[in-house]
Amino acid sequence: MNPRPLSTNPLVFRALPTGTRVGSTVMAVLLTLSLALDFDGWRVAIFATGLVVMASLNRATRSATDGQVSQRRWSMTFLAVLTLQTAVIAATGGVQSAILPAYIGPVLMSVIIFGRPAFILSVGSVTAAMLVLGAVHIFSTLDPLAAPSVLARAETGWTTLLGALVVWVMSLGGARFSLLVADLIEAQRRSMIESQAAVADAYDERHRDLLAISGALAHEMKNPLTAVQSLSSLMRRRAEDNTRAAEELDVLLNEVRRMRATIDEFLDFSRPIGTLAVAPDQLDRLAEDVRAAHAALAEERGITVEVHATPTPVVCDGRKIKQILANLLHNAADASPPGAKVTVRVEVLGSQAVVTIEDEGEGISGDIADQLFRPGATTKGHGSGLGLVISRALAEQHEGTLTLHNRAAGGCAATLRLPTTPEPTVA
């Protein structure tokens, strides 16, 4: 059974452990003085019991407020403390003992922390203990240690029992009041949780609406952009090379391609990730296909791309794995200076198929490292910051992982890990 969380009530959170800690300190000081000054045995027993009780309560309340203790463990602690209290009370006068009201403290704390179940346990346990003490007082011929009484000793003993009844009523009333406090705390906690959930739901709905609108706008922008790209390509083919018109059209085409790539990324991000079409495949073959598709890009950037692969069978959606590898390879090419080398390694490590793409760029700066997989985070001047988000989502759909880290020799390494026998999920 889980503990009742108290973090929603700072007063209880601080007061219970602090109060029991102060009580433990006071009892420790009194016990030390009683031993040093050779007090009567009943006083030593009282202070020793108080120290054990307060220390136990302090540990339990501290654990409960940290969310580390169950109701069962608290109940066991409570019963152990109550048993020890009852033993010492019986030995120091029974229902006439000066420490009889000490029953009230553990009852109040237990009910405040755990509410209604603790109310039944604590009141029932104290009632049973006081009935035992009353029976001992009436029927036993034992002579307990001399100790001051709650009330003056009466001839018939009924006045003493009346005093014990007053203590029991105080315990019951205190427990009832603590139950009201506990219910108020729980109501406050639930209200805060419901409010937070309502705010989160409203935010999610707003986010979905904005994403849908943005996706629709991106789709509408893509259609005229396609026409611009087609007309620009046609005009470029008609223009003579090495002329100003050809240079301007080349710039226009590059910008149109960049805008289309950004819009495509956004459309991929705004659409739900569909069901995987998994089939047995070779990860090394997929990596080689992606390298071949980026040969023109590598030549344009003045870099070389090398694939070092061993046969790596996987069960995956080949199209989506190619999408991940293409994005990672494109990022590596963008980060690499002319003359650099991008290395793609494909291997099997244990039960995982691993692809590592290493570049010789400047690596990941510290201020962006923790944000790379968040929408909009990018190190490129022209990037959308969505490629890595989509790639990680696709990797996780395959029950895999995608991570980036700086290499000791310089540059960055992107690592895709896929299980060799995955259980892909549907987003």
Protein backbone atom coordinates (compact mmCIF):
# COMPACT_ATOMS: atom_id res chain seq x y z
CA MET A 1 0.00 0.00 0.00
CA ASN A 2 1.51 3.34 -0.98
CA PRO A 3 2.12 6.12 1.56
CA ARG A 4 -0.04 9.22 1.53
CA PRO A 5 2.06 11.96 -0.09
CA LEU A 6 2.48 15.03 2.12
CA SER A 7 4.45 17.28 -0.24
CA THR A 8 1.26 19.27 -0.99
CA ASN A 9 1.16 20.49 2.63
CA PRO A 10 4.43 22.23 3.55
CA LEU A 11 3.30 22.74 7.17
CA VAL A 12 2.87 19.02 7.85
CA PHE A 13 5.90 18.20 5.72
CA ARG A 14 8.16 20.29 7.98
CA ALA A 15 6.38 20.07 11.34
CA LEU A 16 6.21 16.30 11.88
CA PRO A 17 9.91 15.41 11.40
CA THR A 18 11.04 18.59 13.13
CA GLY A 19 8.79 18.07 16.15
CA THR A 20 9.78 14.45 16.64
CA ARG A 21 13.47 15.34 16.21
CA VAL A 22 13.22 18.01 18.93
CA GLY A 23 11.38 15.53 21.13
CA SER A 24 14.11 12.94 20.62
CA THR A 25 16.77 15.46 21.58
CA VAL A 26 14.93 16.51 24.75
CA MET A 27 14.40 12.90 25.81
CA ALA A 28 18.07 12.07 25.17
CA VAL A 29 19.17 14.99 27.37
CA LEU A 30 16.76 14.00 30.16
CA LEU A 31 17.84 10.36 30.00
CA THR A 32 21.50 11.37 30.23
CA LEU A 33 20.80 13.58 33.27
CA SER A 34 18.74 10.86 34.97
CA LEU A 35 21.60 8.37 34.59
CA ALA A 36 24.26 10.87 35.66
CA LEU A 37 22.33 12.07 38.73
CA ASP A 38 21.14 8.58 39.74
CA PHE A 39 17.42 9.32 39.49
CA ASP A 40 14.77 6.81 40.52
CA GLY A 41 14.30 3.80 38.26
CA TRP A 42 10.83 4.84 37.10
CA ARG A 43 12.21 8.18 35.82
CA VAL A 44 14.95 6.43 33.85
CA ALA A 45 12.32 4.09 32.39
CA ILE A 46 10.13 7.04 31.38
CA PHE A 47 12.94 8.94 29.68
CA ALA A 48 14.32 5.83 27.93
CA THR A 49 10.85 4.98 26.63
CA GLY A 50 10.31 8.54 25.48
CA LEU A 51 13.59 8.52 23.61
CA VAL A 52 12.76 5.25 21.82
CA VAL A 53 9.25 6.46 20.99
CA MET A 54 10.34 9.85 19.64
CA ALA A 55 13.25 8.38 17.65
CA SER A 56 10.95 5.78 16.06
CA LEU A 57 8.35 8.41 15.22
CA ASN A 58 11.00 10.72 13.79
CA ARG A 59 12.30 8.02 11.47
CA ALA A 60 8.81 7.01 10.36
CA THR A 61 7.57 10.56 9.77
CA ARG A 62 10.75 11.50 7.90
CA SER A 63 10.41 8.45 5.66
CA ALA A 64 6.70 9.07 5.13
CA THR A 65 7.19 12.67 4.08
CA ASP A 66 9.90 11.51 1.66
CA GLY A 67 7.46 8.97 0.18
CA GLN A 68 9.63 6.03 1.26
CA VAL A 69 7.42 4.26 3.81
CA SER A 70 4.27 2.22 3.28
CA GLN A 71 1.21 2.30 5.49
CA ARG A 72 2.03 -1.26 6.54
CA ARG A 73 5.49 -0.28 7.74
CA TRP A 74 4.10 2.71 9.61
CA SER A 75 1.44 0.47 11.21
CA MET A 76 4.13 -1.96 12.40
CA THR A 77 6.15 0.94 13.83
CA PHE A 78 3.06 2.32 15.56
CA LEU A 79 2.18 -1.02 17.13
CA ALA A 80 5.76 -1.55 18.30
CA VAL A 81 5.84 1.91 19.89
CA LEU A 82 2.42 1.35 21.48
CA THR A 83 3.50 -2.02 22.92
CA LEU A 84 6.63 -0.46 24.45
CA GLN A 85 4.59 2.43 25.84
CA THR A 86 2.05 0.09 27.37
CA ALA A 87 4.78 -2.02 29.01
CA VAL A 88 6.44 1.00 30.62
CA ILE A 89 3.09 2.55 31.64
CA ALA A 90 2.12 -0.73 33.28
CA ALA A 91 5.47 -0.80 35.12
CA THR A 92 5.15 2.81 36.31
CA GLY A 93 1.65 2.78 37.74
CA GLY A 94 -0.65 1.50 35.00
CA VAL A 95 -3.69 3.73 34.63
CA GLN A 96 -2.17 5.91 37.41
CA SER A 97 1.08 6.47 35.47
CA ALA A 98 2.14 10.04 34.75
CA ILE A 99 2.97 9.06 31.15
CA LEU A 100 -0.48 7.72 30.34
CA PRO A 101 -1.27 10.79 28.10
CA ALA A 102 1.73 9.85 25.95
CA TYR A 103 -0.69 7.66 23.96
CA ILE A 104 -2.13 10.79 22.36
CA GLY A 105 0.97 11.86 20.36
CA PRO A 106 1.45 8.74 18.18
CA VAL A 107 -2.30 8.61 17.51
CA LEU A 108 -2.37 12.18 16.21
CA MET A 109 0.69 11.72 13.97
CA SER A 110 -0.51 8.40 12.56
CA VAL A 111 -3.93 9.75 11.60
CA ILE A 112 -2.53 12.95 10.05
CA ILE A 113 -0.14 10.95 7.87
CA PHE A 114 -2.34 8.03 6.78
CA GLY A 115 -5.89 9.23 7.34
CA ARG A 116 -8.90 6.97 7.87
CA PRO A 117 -7.16 3.54 7.92
CA ALA A 118 -4.77 4.83 10.61
CA PHE A 119 -7.73 6.22 12.58
CA ILE A 120 -9.22 2.76 12.96
CA LEU A 121 -5.87 1.14 13.80
CA SER A 122 -4.66 3.75 16.28
CA VAL A 123 -7.93 4.29 18.17
CA GLY A 124 -8.59 0.55 18.29
CA SER A 125 -5.06 -0.20 19.53
CA VAL A 126 -5.11 2.49 22.23
CA THR A 127 -8.57 1.33 23.35
CA ALA A 128 -7.32 -2.24 23.67
CA ALA A 129 -4.19 -1.14 25.55
CA MET A 130 -6.17 0.94 28.05
CA LEU A 131 -8.65 -1.87 28.61
CA VAL A 132 -5.70 -4.12 29.47
CA LEU A 133 -4.30 -1.49 31.85
CA GLY A 134 -7.71 -1.06 33.44
CA ALA A 135 -8.08 -4.80 33.94
CA VAL A 136 -4.62 -4.96 35.48
CA HIS A 137 -5.51 -2.08 37.80
CA ILE A 138 -8.70 -3.79 39.00
CA PHE A 139 -7.73 -7.42 39.17
CA SER A 140 -3.91 -7.59 39.47
CA THR A 141 -2.13 -7.80 42.81
CA LEU A 142 1.20 -6.72 41.32
CA ASP A 143 2.91 -3.74 42.93
CA PRO A 144 4.29 -1.53 40.12
CA LEU A 145 7.26 0.80 40.48
CA ALA A 146 6.46 3.87 42.51
CA ALA A 147 5.49 6.68 40.17
CA PRO A 148 3.44 9.90 40.31
CA SER A 149 -0.17 9.38 39.21
CA VAL A 150 -2.34 11.26 36.75
CA LEU A 151 -4.86 11.54 39.60
CA ALA A 152 -4.52 11.02 43.31
CA ARG A 153 -4.90 7.36 44.24
CA ALA A 154 -8.52 6.74 45.29
CA GLU A 155 -9.76 4.17 47.76
CA THR A 156 -12.05 2.40 45.31
CA GLY A 157 -9.90 3.04 42.19
CA TRP A 158 -12.89 4.28 40.17
CA THR A 159 -11.60 7.86 40.16
CA THR A 160 -8.37 6.58 38.65
CA LEU A 161 -10.32 4.70 35.98
CA LEU A 162 -12.28 7.89 35.29
CA GLY A 163 -8.98 9.71 34.71
CA ALA A 164 -7.92 6.97 32.30
CA LEU A 165 -11.26 7.37 30.51
CA VAL A 166 -10.55 11.09 30.12
CA VAL A 167 -7.21 10.27 28.50
CA TRP A 168 -8.95 7.79 26.17
CA VAL A 169 -11.56 10.41 25.20
CA MET A 170 -8.77 12.91 24.51
CA SER A 171 -7.08 10.34 22.27
CA LEU A 172 -10.33 9.68 20.43
CA GLY A 173 -11.09 13.39 20.03
CA GLY A 174 -7.56 14.17 18.93
CA ALA A 175 -7.69 11.33 16.42
CA ARG A 176 -11.00 12.60 15.07
CA PHE A 177 -9.59 16.12 14.70
CA SER A 178 -6.46 14.74 13.02
CA LEU A 179 -8.69 12.82 10.62
CA LEU A 180 -10.39 16.04 9.60
CA VAL A 181 -6.96 17.62 9.04
CA ALA A 182 -5.84 14.61 7.00
CA ASP A 183 -9.01 14.77 4.87
CA LEU A 184 -8.42 18.46 4.22
CA ILE A 185 -4.84 17.73 3.18
CA GLU A 186 -5.98 14.95 0.86
CA ALA A 187 -8.70 17.15 -0.66
CA GLN A 188 -6.13 19.89 -1.25
CA ARG A 189 -3.74 17.41 -2.87
CA ARG A 190 -6.40 15.99 -5.17
CA SER A 191 -7.57 19.47 -6.10
CA MET A 192 -4.02 20.44 -7.07
CA ILE A 193 -3.58 17.25 -9.10
CA GLU A 194 -6.87 17.81 -10.91
CA SER A 195 -5.97 21.44 -11.62
CA GLN A 196 -2.57 20.45 -12.97
CA ALA A 197 -4.16 17.73 -15.11
CA ALA A 198 -6.71 20.22 -16.49
CA VAL A 199 -3.96 22.68 -17.37
CA ALA A 200 -1.91 19.92 -19.02
CA ASP A 201 -4.93 18.73 -21.03
CA ALA A 202 -5.70 22.26 -22.17
CA TYR A 203 -2.07 22.75 -23.17
CA ASP A 204 -2.01 19.45 -25.08
CA GLU A 205 -5.22 20.31 -26.90
CA ARG A 206 -3.88 23.74 -27.79
CA HIS A 207 -0.64 22.17 -28.96
CA ARG A 208 -2.48 19.68 -31.17
CA ASP A 209 -4.61 22.45 -32.67
CA LEU A 210 -1.57 24.60 -33.45
CA LEU A 211 0.26 21.61 -34.88
CA ALA A 212 -2.69 20.75 -37.13
CA ILE A 213 -3.01 24.35 -38.34
CA SER A 214 0.73 24.62 -38.93
CA GLY A 215 0.72 21.33 -40.84
CA ALA A 216 -2.13 22.57 -43.03
CA LEU A 217 -0.29 25.82 -43.72
CA ALA A 218 2.91 23.93 -44.56
CA HIS A 219 0.98 21.71 -46.98
CA GLU A 220 -0.58 24.76 -48.66
CA MET A 221 2.86 26.36 -48.96
CA LYS A 222 4.33 23.23 -50.52
CA ASN A 223 2.02 23.28 -53.56
CA PRO A 224 2.98 26.73 -54.91
CA LEU A 225 6.60 26.05 -53.92
CA THR A 226 6.55 22.98 -56.17
CA ALA A 227 5.39 25.17 -59.05
CA VAL A 228 8.15 27.71 -58.33
CA GLN A 229 10.75 24.94 -58.29
CA SER A 230 9.51 23.48 -61.58
CA LEU A 231 9.47 26.84 -63.35
CA SER A 232 12.88 27.78 -61.93
CA SER A 233 14.36 24.47 -63.10
CA LEU A 234 12.89 25.02 -66.57
CA MET A 235 14.28 28.56 -66.76
CA ARG A 236 17.69 27.33 -65.54
CA ARG A 237 17.86 24.74 -68.32
CA ARG A 238 17.13 27.46 -70.86
CA ALA A 239 19.67 29.90 -69.45
CA GLU A 240 23.21 29.82 -70.74
CA ASP A 241 25.89 28.68 -68.30
CA ASN A 242 28.28 31.23 -66.74
CA THR A 243 25.81 34.07 -67.09
CA ARG A 244 24.34 36.29 -64.39
CA ALA A 245 20.87 34.90 -65.04
CA ALA A 246 22.15 31.32 -64.55
CA GLU A 247 23.84 32.27 -61.27
CA GLU A 248 20.70 33.95 -59.95
CA LEU A 249 18.57 30.98 -60.94
CA ASP A 250 21.00 28.61 -59.17
CA VAL A 251 20.64 30.68 -55.99
CA LEU A 252 16.86 30.62 -56.36
CA LEU A 253 16.80 26.84 -56.87
CA ASN A 254 19.00 26.24 -53.82
CA GLU A 255 16.72 28.35 -51.65
CA VAL A 256 13.62 26.63 -52.99
CA ARG A 257 15.15 23.21 -52.26
CA ARG A 258 16.04 24.33 -48.74
CA MET A 259 12.53 25.61 -48.12
CA ARG A 260 11.03 22.37 -49.46
CA ALA A 261 13.29 20.31 -47.22
CA THR A 262 12.21 22.37 -44.19
CA ILE A 263 8.53 22.05 -45.08
CA ASP A 264 8.92 18.29 -45.64
CA GLU A 265 10.52 17.94 -42.19
CA PHE A 266 7.69 19.92 -40.62
CA LEU A 267 5.07 17.84 -42.37
CA ASP A 268 6.76 14.66 -41.16
CA PHE A 269 6.79 16.09 -37.64
CA SER A 270 3.12 17.16 -37.70
CA ARG A 271 1.87 13.79 -38.99
CA PRO A 272 1.44 10.88 -36.56
CA ILE A 273 4.04 8.15 -36.99
CA GLY A 274 2.25 5.39 -38.85
CA THR A 275 2.37 1.65 -38.42
CA LEU A 276 5.68 -0.03 -39.19
CA ALA A 277 5.90 -2.27 -42.25
CA VAL A 278 8.52 -4.60 -40.81
CA ALA A 279 10.38 -7.27 -42.73
CA PRO A 280 13.76 -9.04 -42.49
CA ASP A 281 16.48 -6.79 -43.90
CA GLN A 282 20.21 -6.09 -43.84
CA LEU A 283 21.25 -2.97 -41.97
CA ASP A 284 24.59 -2.86 -43.82
CA ARG A 285 22.72 -2.79 -47.15
CA LEU A 286 20.47 0.03 -45.99
CA ALA A 287 23.52 2.05 -44.93
CA GLU A 288 25.20 1.48 -48.31
CA ASP A 289 22.02 2.57 -50.14
CA VAL A 290 21.91 5.80 -48.13
CA ARG A 291 25.61 6.45 -48.85
CA ALA A 292 25.02 5.99 -52.58
CA ALA A 293 22.03 8.34 -52.49
CA HIS A 294 24.20 11.03 -50.88
CA ALA A 295 27.16 10.65 -53.24
CA ALA A 296 26.25 13.85 -55.09
CA LEU A 297 25.91 15.77 -51.80
CA ALA A 298 29.30 14.49 -50.62
CA GLU A 299 30.92 15.56 -53.90
CA GLU A 300 29.29 18.97 -53.68
CA ARG A 301 30.58 19.47 -50.10
CA GLY A 302 34.04 18.14 -50.93
CA ILE A 303 33.93 15.34 -48.38
CA THR A 304 34.25 11.56 -48.57
CA VAL A 305 31.82 9.05 -47.07
CA GLU A 306 33.09 5.61 -46.12
CA VAL A 307 31.01 2.65 -44.98
CA HIS A 308 32.63 -0.06 -42.81
CA ALA A 309 30.03 -2.76 -42.34
CA THR A 310 29.66 -6.38 -41.38
CA PRO A 311 26.55 -8.39 -42.33
CA THR A 312 23.90 -7.15 -39.91
CA PRO A 313 20.47 -8.76 -40.19
CA VAL A 314 17.56 -6.88 -38.64
CA VAL A 315 13.78 -6.93 -38.71
CA CYS A 316 12.69 -3.37 -39.42
CA ASP A 317 10.82 -0.96 -41.65
CA GLY A 318 13.55 -0.35 -44.20
CA ARG A 319 12.06 2.91 -45.48
CA LYS A 320 12.00 4.48 -42.02
CA ILE A 321 15.47 3.26 -41.11
CA LYS A 322 16.73 4.83 -44.34
CA GLN A 323 15.02 8.06 -43.29
CA ILE A 324 16.93 8.01 -39.98
CA LEU A 325 20.27 7.24 -41.64
CA ALA A 326 19.71 9.87 -44.34
CA ASN A 327 19.05 12.54 -41.73
CA LEU A 328 22.13 11.57 -39.70
CA LEU A 329 24.34 11.44 -42.79
CA HIS A 330 23.05 14.80 -43.98
CA ASN A 331 23.79 16.32 -40.55
CA ALA A 332 27.32 14.86 -40.63
CA ALA A 333 27.89 16.31 -44.10
CA ASP A 334 26.66 19.74 -42.98
CA ALA A 335 29.00 19.66 -39.98
CA SER A 336 32.10 18.53 -41.93
CA PRO A 337 34.55 20.99 -43.50
CA PRO A 338 35.79 20.44 -47.08
CA GLY A 339 38.26 17.57 -47.28
CA ALA A 340 36.85 15.86 -44.19
CA LYS A 341 35.72 12.25 -43.96
CA VAL A 342 32.41 10.89 -42.70
CA THR A 343 32.60 7.29 -41.49
CA VAL A 344 29.61 4.97 -41.24
CA ARG A 345 30.14 1.85 -39.11
CA VAL A 346 27.60 -0.99 -39.05
CA GLU A 347 28.07 -3.91 -36.66
CA VAL A 348 26.37 -6.33 -34.31
CA LEU A 349 27.05 -5.83 -30.60
CA GLY A 350 25.42 -8.50 -28.48
CA SER A 351 21.70 -8.44 -29.18
CA GLN A 352 21.84 -5.05 -30.89
CA ALA A 353 22.48 -3.87 -34.43
CA VAL A 354 24.47 -0.65 -34.22
CA VAL A 355 25.09 2.10 -36.77
CA THR A 356 27.57 4.84 -35.88
CA ILE A 357 28.04 7.88 -38.12
CA GLU A 358 31.16 9.89 -37.28
CA ASP A 359 32.10 13.30 -38.67
CA GLU A 360 35.17 15.52 -38.32
CA GLY A 361 33.35 18.75 -37.56
CA GLU A 362 33.47 20.96 -34.48
CA GLY A 363 31.30 18.68 -32.36
CA ILE A 364 28.33 19.63 -30.19
CA SER A 365 28.63 22.78 -28.10
CA GLY A 366 27.69 22.49 -24.44
CA ASP A 367 24.85 25.02 -24.58
CA ILE A 368 22.91 22.98 -27.18
CA ALA A 369 23.83 19.42 -26.16
CA ASP A 370 20.83 18.94 -23.84
CA GLN A 371 18.35 20.37 -26.35
CA LEU A 372 19.26 18.59 -29.59
CA PHE A 373 16.26 16.28 -29.48
CA ARG A 374 13.77 19.07 -28.83
CA PRO A 375 11.76 20.68 -31.65
CA GLY A 376 13.46 23.81 -32.95
CA ALA A 377 16.90 23.08 -31.46
CA THR A 378 19.57 23.14 -34.16
CA THR A 379 23.20 24.12 -34.69
CA LYS A 380 22.57 25.00 -38.34
CA GLY A 381 21.83 28.49 -39.50
CA HIS A 382 19.18 27.15 -41.89
CA GLY A 383 17.90 24.10 -39.97
CA SER A 384 14.40 23.50 -38.65
CA GLY A 385 15.46 21.45 -35.62
CA LEU A 386 12.96 18.70 -36.42
CA GLY A 387 15.11 16.07 -38.14
CA LEU A 388 16.58 14.61 -34.96
CA VAL A 389 13.21 14.68 -33.21
CA ILE A 390 11.64 12.64 -36.00
CA SER A 391 14.64 10.30 -36.22
CA ARG A 392 14.57 9.52 -32.49
CA ALA A 393 10.81 8.90 -32.63
CA LEU A 394 11.32 6.43 -35.49
CA ALA A 395 14.16 4.71 -33.61
CA GLU A 396 12.01 4.36 -30.48
CA GLN A 397 9.16 3.00 -32.60
CA HIS A 398 11.58 0.17 -33.49
CA GLU A 399 12.33 -0.27 -29.73
CA GLY A 400 15.74 1.27 -30.42
CA THR A 401 17.68 4.34 -29.31
CA LEU A 402 19.39 7.28 -30.98
CA THR A 403 22.13 9.23 -29.21
CA LEU A 404 24.73 11.86 -30.08
CA HIS A 405 28.03 12.55 -28.37
CA ASN A 406 31.34 14.30 -29.06
CA ARG A 407 34.28 12.16 -30.12
CA ALA A 408 37.57 12.27 -28.26
CA ALA A 409 39.38 12.80 -31.57
CA GLY A 410 37.07 15.67 -32.52
CA GLY A 411 33.74 15.83 -34.25
CA CYS A 412 30.48 14.17 -33.38
CA ALA A 413 29.21 10.58 -33.42
CA ALA A 414 25.56 9.66 -33.87
CA THR A 415 24.71 6.13 -32.73
CA LEU A 416 21.57 4.24 -33.74
CA ARG A 417 20.92 1.03 -31.81
CA LEU A 418 18.26 -1.43 -32.91
CA PRO A 419 17.37 -4.81 -31.40
CA THR A 420 18.14 -7.66 -33.77
CA THR A 421 14.70 -9.12 -32.97
CA PRO A 422 12.60 -6.04 -32.18
CA GLU A 423 9.04 -5.77 -31.02
CA PRO A 424 8.10 -2.56 -32.83
CA THR A 425 5.30 -0.40 -31.53
CA VAL A 426 2.69 1.77 -33.16
CA ALA A 427 2.70 5.39 -32.11
